Amino acid sequence: MSFDWGEYLRLAKSLARTSNEAELRSSISRAYYAVFNTARRIIVNKGLGYLPTWSHKDHKKVPEIFEKYLKAVEISEGLKRLRNYRNKADYDDVFPNLIKTA
C-alpha cells in the first residue's frame, strides 16, 4: 500500500499551530515533502518517461517536468519556493518570519 503523502501535510498544519521553533521548522519540512512526493508520484503516473533517482537530483527535476512538459509553471514555482523554505528550515540557524512562513 502506498503512503498517503497528504498525512504529511496534515501533520505540517498541526505543527504550524504552535510557537515552538522546532515544530514550526518541522512543519515547513513536512509540507515540502508532502507536496514534492505527491508531485513526483503524479509525473511518474503520467508516464512521461521520468524515473526517480531517489537522490537530490529529483528535487530539481520534478519542478522542471511540471514546467516543461505539463506547462504547470505555478506548480513548478511553488515547488521551488517550498524547497527553498525547507532548506532554510532544515539548515539555517536564523529563519526570519518563521511563524508567517510556517
N, C-alpha and C. Protein backbone atom coordinates (compact mmCIF):
# COMPACT_ATOMS: atom_id res chain seq x y z
N MET A 1 0.84 -1.18 0.00
CA MET A 1 0.00 0.00 0.00
C MET A 1 0.89 1.24 0.00
N SER A 2 0.57 2.21 -0.85
CA SER A 2 1.35 3.44 -0.94
C SER A 2 1.05 4.36 0.23
N PHE A 3 2.07 5.07 0.61
CA PHE A 3 1.91 6.06 1.67
C PHE A 3 1.08 7.23 1.16
N ASP A 4 0.19 7.74 1.98
CA ASP A 4 -0.62 8.91 1.66
C ASP A 4 0.16 10.14 2.10
N TRP A 5 0.77 10.82 1.14
CA TRP A 5 1.59 11.99 1.45
C TRP A 5 0.76 13.12 2.02
N GLY A 6 -0.54 13.06 1.87
CA GLY A 6 -1.41 14.03 2.50
C GLY A 6 -1.32 13.98 4.02
N GLU A 7 -0.91 12.83 4.56
CA GLU A 7 -0.71 12.71 6.00
C GLU A 7 0.40 13.66 6.46
N TYR A 8 1.43 13.82 5.64
CA TYR A 8 2.50 14.77 5.98
C TYR A 8 1.95 16.19 5.99
N LEU A 9 1.07 16.51 5.06
CA LEU A 9 0.51 17.85 5.02
C LEU A 9 -0.37 18.09 6.25
N ARG A 10 -1.15 17.10 6.64
CA ARG A 10 -1.96 17.25 7.85
C ARG A 10 -1.07 17.44 9.08
N LEU A 11 0.03 16.70 9.14
CA LEU A 11 0.99 16.86 10.23
C LEU A 11 1.61 18.26 10.20
N ALA A 12 1.96 18.73 9.01
CA ALA A 12 2.56 20.06 8.86
C ALA A 12 1.60 21.13 9.39
N LYS A 13 0.34 21.02 9.04
CA LYS A 13 -0.64 22.00 9.51
C LYS A 13 -0.78 21.97 11.02
N SER A 14 -0.74 20.78 11.58
CA SER A 14 -0.83 20.65 13.03
C SER A 14 0.39 21.27 13.72
N LEU A 15 1.57 21.00 13.19
CA LEU A 15 2.80 21.54 13.76
C LEU A 15 2.88 23.06 13.63
N ALA A 16 2.25 23.61 12.60
CA ALA A 16 2.30 25.05 12.35
C ALA A 16 1.46 25.84 13.34
N ARG A 17 0.63 25.17 14.12
CA ARG A 17 -0.25 25.86 15.07
C ARG A 17 0.42 26.04 16.43
N THR A 18 1.72 26.14 16.46
CA THR A 18 2.46 26.26 17.70
C THR A 18 3.40 27.46 17.62
N SER A 19 4.04 27.77 18.71
CA SER A 19 5.08 28.80 18.68
C SER A 19 6.46 28.18 18.90
N ASN A 20 6.52 26.87 19.00
CA ASN A 20 7.77 26.16 19.20
C ASN A 20 8.58 26.15 17.90
N GLU A 21 9.80 26.66 17.95
CA GLU A 21 10.59 26.80 16.72
C GLU A 21 10.85 25.47 16.03
N ALA A 22 11.16 24.44 16.79
CA ALA A 22 11.44 23.13 16.17
C ALA A 22 10.20 22.60 15.45
N GLU A 23 9.04 22.79 16.05
CA GLU A 23 7.81 22.32 15.41
C GLU A 23 7.48 23.15 14.18
N LEU A 24 7.71 24.45 14.23
CA LEU A 24 7.47 25.30 13.07
C LEU A 24 8.40 24.91 11.91
N ARG A 25 9.66 24.68 12.23
CA ARG A 25 10.62 24.27 11.20
C ARG A 25 10.23 22.90 10.62
N SER A 26 9.83 22.01 11.50
CA SER A 26 9.40 20.67 11.04
C SER A 26 8.15 20.77 10.17
N SER A 27 7.29 21.70 10.50
CA SER A 27 6.07 21.92 9.72
C SER A 27 6.42 22.25 8.27
N ILE A 28 7.35 23.15 8.10
CA ILE A 28 7.77 23.56 6.75
C ILE A 28 8.37 22.38 6.00
N SER A 29 9.21 21.63 6.68
CA SER A 29 9.86 20.47 6.04
C SER A 29 8.83 19.42 5.63
N ARG A 30 7.89 19.10 6.51
CA ARG A 30 6.86 18.09 6.20
C ARG A 30 5.96 18.57 5.07
N ALA A 31 5.63 19.87 5.06
CA ALA A 31 4.79 20.40 3.99
C ALA A 31 5.49 20.25 2.64
N TYR A 32 6.78 20.57 2.61
CA TYR A 32 7.52 20.43 1.35
C TYR A 32 7.49 18.98 0.87
N TYR A 33 7.80 18.05 1.75
CA TYR A 33 7.85 16.66 1.32
C TYR A 33 6.47 16.12 0.93
N ALA A 34 5.42 16.62 1.55
CA ALA A 34 4.07 16.22 1.14
C ALA A 34 3.82 16.63 -0.30
N VAL A 35 4.14 17.87 -0.61
CA VAL A 35 3.90 18.39 -1.96
C VAL A 35 4.87 17.77 -2.97
N PHE A 36 6.14 17.71 -2.63
CA PHE A 36 7.14 17.15 -3.54
C PHE A 36 6.81 15.70 -3.91
N ASN A 37 6.53 14.88 -2.91
CA ASN A 37 6.29 13.46 -3.20
C ASN A 37 4.97 13.24 -3.93
N THR A 38 3.98 14.06 -3.68
CA THR A 38 2.74 13.99 -4.44
C THR A 38 3.01 14.37 -5.90
N ALA A 39 3.77 15.43 -6.10
CA ALA A 39 4.11 15.87 -7.47
C ALA A 39 4.92 14.81 -8.20
N ARG A 40 5.88 14.22 -7.50
CA ARG A 40 6.71 13.16 -8.09
C ARG A 40 5.83 12.00 -8.53
N ARG A 41 4.91 11.60 -7.68
CA ARG A 41 4.02 10.48 -8.00
C ARG A 41 3.16 10.81 -9.22
N ILE A 42 2.68 12.04 -9.31
CA ILE A 42 1.85 12.45 -10.45
C ILE A 42 2.61 12.30 -11.75
N ILE A 43 3.84 12.79 -11.81
CA ILE A 43 4.57 12.72 -13.08
C ILE A 43 4.99 11.30 -13.42
N VAL A 44 5.27 10.49 -12.42
CA VAL A 44 5.57 9.08 -12.70
C VAL A 44 4.33 8.41 -13.28
N ASN A 45 3.17 8.66 -12.69
CA ASN A 45 1.92 8.05 -13.14
C ASN A 45 1.48 8.54 -14.52
N LYS A 46 1.92 9.71 -14.92
CA LYS A 46 1.57 10.25 -16.24
C LYS A 46 2.38 9.59 -17.35
N GLY A 47 3.38 8.81 -16.99
CA GLY A 47 4.16 8.09 -18.00
C GLY A 47 4.98 8.99 -18.90
N LEU A 48 5.60 9.99 -18.32
CA LEU A 48 6.40 10.93 -19.11
C LEU A 48 7.85 10.45 -19.30
N GLY A 49 8.12 9.24 -18.88
CA GLY A 49 9.47 8.72 -19.03
C GLY A 49 10.40 9.08 -17.88
N TYR A 50 9.86 9.71 -16.88
CA TYR A 50 10.66 10.10 -15.71
C TYR A 50 10.71 8.96 -14.72
N LEU A 51 11.91 8.60 -14.34
CA LEU A 51 12.11 7.61 -13.29
C LEU A 51 12.90 8.28 -12.18
N PRO A 52 12.36 8.29 -10.97
CA PRO A 52 13.07 8.93 -9.86
C PRO A 52 14.45 8.30 -9.64
N THR A 53 15.40 9.14 -9.30
CA THR A 53 16.75 8.65 -8.98
C THR A 53 16.87 8.44 -7.48
N TRP A 54 15.88 8.93 -6.72
CA TRP A 54 15.87 8.88 -5.26
C TRP A 54 17.10 9.59 -4.70
N SER A 55 17.47 10.68 -5.35
CA SER A 55 18.60 11.49 -4.92
C SER A 55 18.21 12.96 -4.95
N HIS A 56 19.14 13.82 -4.61
CA HIS A 56 18.90 15.27 -4.63
C HIS A 56 18.50 15.77 -6.02
N LYS A 57 18.87 15.03 -7.06
CA LYS A 57 18.56 15.44 -8.43
C LYS A 57 17.06 15.53 -8.68
N ASP A 58 16.29 14.70 -8.01
CA ASP A 58 14.84 14.70 -8.20
C ASP A 58 14.21 16.02 -7.76
N HIS A 59 14.81 16.67 -6.79
CA HIS A 59 14.24 17.91 -6.28
C HIS A 59 14.34 19.05 -7.29
N LYS A 60 15.23 18.91 -8.24
CA LYS A 60 15.33 19.87 -9.34
C LYS A 60 14.51 19.40 -10.55
N LYS A 61 14.54 18.11 -10.79
CA LYS A 61 13.90 17.54 -11.98
C LYS A 61 12.37 17.61 -11.93
N VAL A 62 11.79 17.34 -10.78
CA VAL A 62 10.33 17.33 -10.68
C VAL A 62 9.73 18.69 -11.07
N PRO A 63 10.21 19.81 -10.50
CA PRO A 63 9.66 21.10 -10.95
C PRO A 63 9.91 21.38 -12.43
N GLU A 64 11.05 20.95 -12.94
CA GLU A 64 11.35 21.15 -14.36
C GLU A 64 10.33 20.44 -15.24
N ILE A 65 9.96 19.24 -14.87
CA ILE A 65 8.99 18.47 -15.66
C ILE A 65 7.62 19.14 -15.61
N PHE A 66 7.22 19.62 -14.45
CA PHE A 66 5.93 20.31 -14.35
C PHE A 66 5.91 21.53 -15.26
N GLU A 67 7.02 22.25 -15.32
CA GLU A 67 7.06 23.45 -16.14
C GLU A 67 7.16 23.12 -17.63
N LYS A 68 8.08 22.23 -17.97
CA LYS A 68 8.37 21.97 -19.38
C LYS A 68 7.32 21.10 -20.07
N TYR A 69 6.92 20.01 -19.45
CA TYR A 69 6.04 19.05 -20.11
C TYR A 69 4.56 19.23 -19.77
N LEU A 70 4.29 19.68 -18.56
CA LEU A 70 2.89 19.81 -18.15
C LEU A 70 2.41 21.26 -18.21
N LYS A 71 3.34 22.16 -18.55
CA LYS A 71 3.02 23.59 -18.67
C LYS A 71 2.37 24.13 -17.39
N ALA A 72 2.78 23.60 -16.27
CA ALA A 72 2.24 23.99 -14.97
C ALA A 72 3.30 24.83 -14.24
N VAL A 73 3.47 26.04 -14.71
CA VAL A 73 4.51 26.93 -14.18
C VAL A 73 4.25 27.26 -12.71
N GLU A 74 3.01 27.49 -12.34
CA GLU A 74 2.70 27.82 -10.95
C GLU A 74 3.07 26.69 -10.01
N ILE A 75 2.83 25.46 -10.42
CA ILE A 75 3.21 24.32 -9.59
C ILE A 75 4.73 24.23 -9.49
N SER A 76 5.40 24.40 -10.61
CA SER A 76 6.86 24.38 -10.63
C SER A 76 7.44 25.44 -9.70
N GLU A 77 6.94 26.66 -9.81
CA GLU A 77 7.44 27.75 -8.97
C GLU A 77 7.12 27.51 -7.50
N GLY A 78 5.95 26.97 -7.23
CA GLY A 78 5.57 26.65 -5.85
C GLY A 78 6.49 25.60 -5.24
N LEU A 79 6.82 24.58 -6.02
CA LEU A 79 7.75 23.56 -5.54
C LEU A 79 9.12 24.15 -5.23
N LYS A 80 9.58 25.01 -6.10
CA LYS A 80 10.89 25.65 -5.89
C LYS A 80 10.87 26.52 -4.63
N ARG A 81 9.80 27.28 -4.46
CA ARG A 81 9.68 28.15 -3.29
C ARG A 81 9.62 27.32 -2.00
N LEU A 82 8.82 26.25 -2.01
CA LEU A 82 8.73 25.39 -0.83
C LEU A 82 10.06 24.72 -0.52
N ARG A 83 10.80 24.34 -1.55
CA ARG A 83 12.10 23.72 -1.30
C ARG A 83 13.06 24.72 -0.67
N ASN A 84 13.01 25.96 -1.13
CA ASN A 84 13.85 27.00 -0.54
C ASN A 84 13.51 27.17 0.94
N TYR A 85 12.22 27.23 1.27
CA TYR A 85 11.82 27.33 2.66
C TYR A 85 12.27 26.11 3.46
N ARG A 86 12.12 24.94 2.87
CA ARG A 86 12.53 23.71 3.57
C ARG A 86 14.02 23.73 3.85
N ASN A 87 14.82 24.17 2.88
CA ASN A 87 16.27 24.25 3.11
C ASN A 87 16.59 25.21 4.24
N LYS A 88 15.92 26.36 4.26
CA LYS A 88 16.14 27.32 5.35
C LYS A 88 15.75 26.71 6.69
N ALA A 89 14.60 26.06 6.72
CA ALA A 89 14.11 25.47 7.97
C ALA A 89 15.04 24.37 8.48
N ASP A 90 15.62 23.62 7.57
CA ASP A 90 16.46 22.49 7.96
C ASP A 90 17.92 22.86 8.22
N TYR A 91 18.40 23.98 7.64
CA TYR A 91 19.83 24.25 7.70
C TYR A 91 20.23 25.60 8.28
N ASP A 92 19.38 26.61 8.19
CA ASP A 92 19.78 27.95 8.64
C ASP A 92 19.60 28.11 10.15
N ASP A 93 20.58 28.74 10.79
CA ASP A 93 20.47 28.99 12.22
C ASP A 93 19.39 30.01 12.54
N VAL A 94 19.20 30.96 11.64
CA VAL A 94 18.21 32.00 11.84
C VAL A 94 17.23 31.95 10.65
N PHE A 95 15.94 31.96 10.97
CA PHE A 95 14.91 31.92 9.92
C PHE A 95 13.96 33.09 10.17
N PRO A 96 14.20 34.23 9.49
CA PRO A 96 13.31 35.37 9.65
C PRO A 96 11.88 35.00 9.21
N ASN A 97 10.90 35.54 9.91
CA ASN A 97 9.49 35.32 9.58
C ASN A 97 9.09 33.85 9.61
N LEU A 98 9.66 33.09 10.52
CA LEU A 98 9.38 31.66 10.60
C LEU A 98 7.90 31.37 10.83
N ILE A 99 7.29 32.08 11.76
CA ILE A 99 5.88 31.81 12.06
C ILE A 99 5.01 32.08 10.83
N LYS A 100 5.25 33.20 10.17
CA LYS A 100 4.48 33.54 8.97
C LYS A 100 4.70 32.50 7.86
N THR A 101 5.93 32.07 7.67
CA THR A 101 6.24 31.09 6.63
C THR A 101 5.57 29.76 6.93
N ALA A 102 5.63 29.32 8.17
CA ALA A 102 5.00 28.05 8.55
C ALA A 102 3.50 28.14 8.35
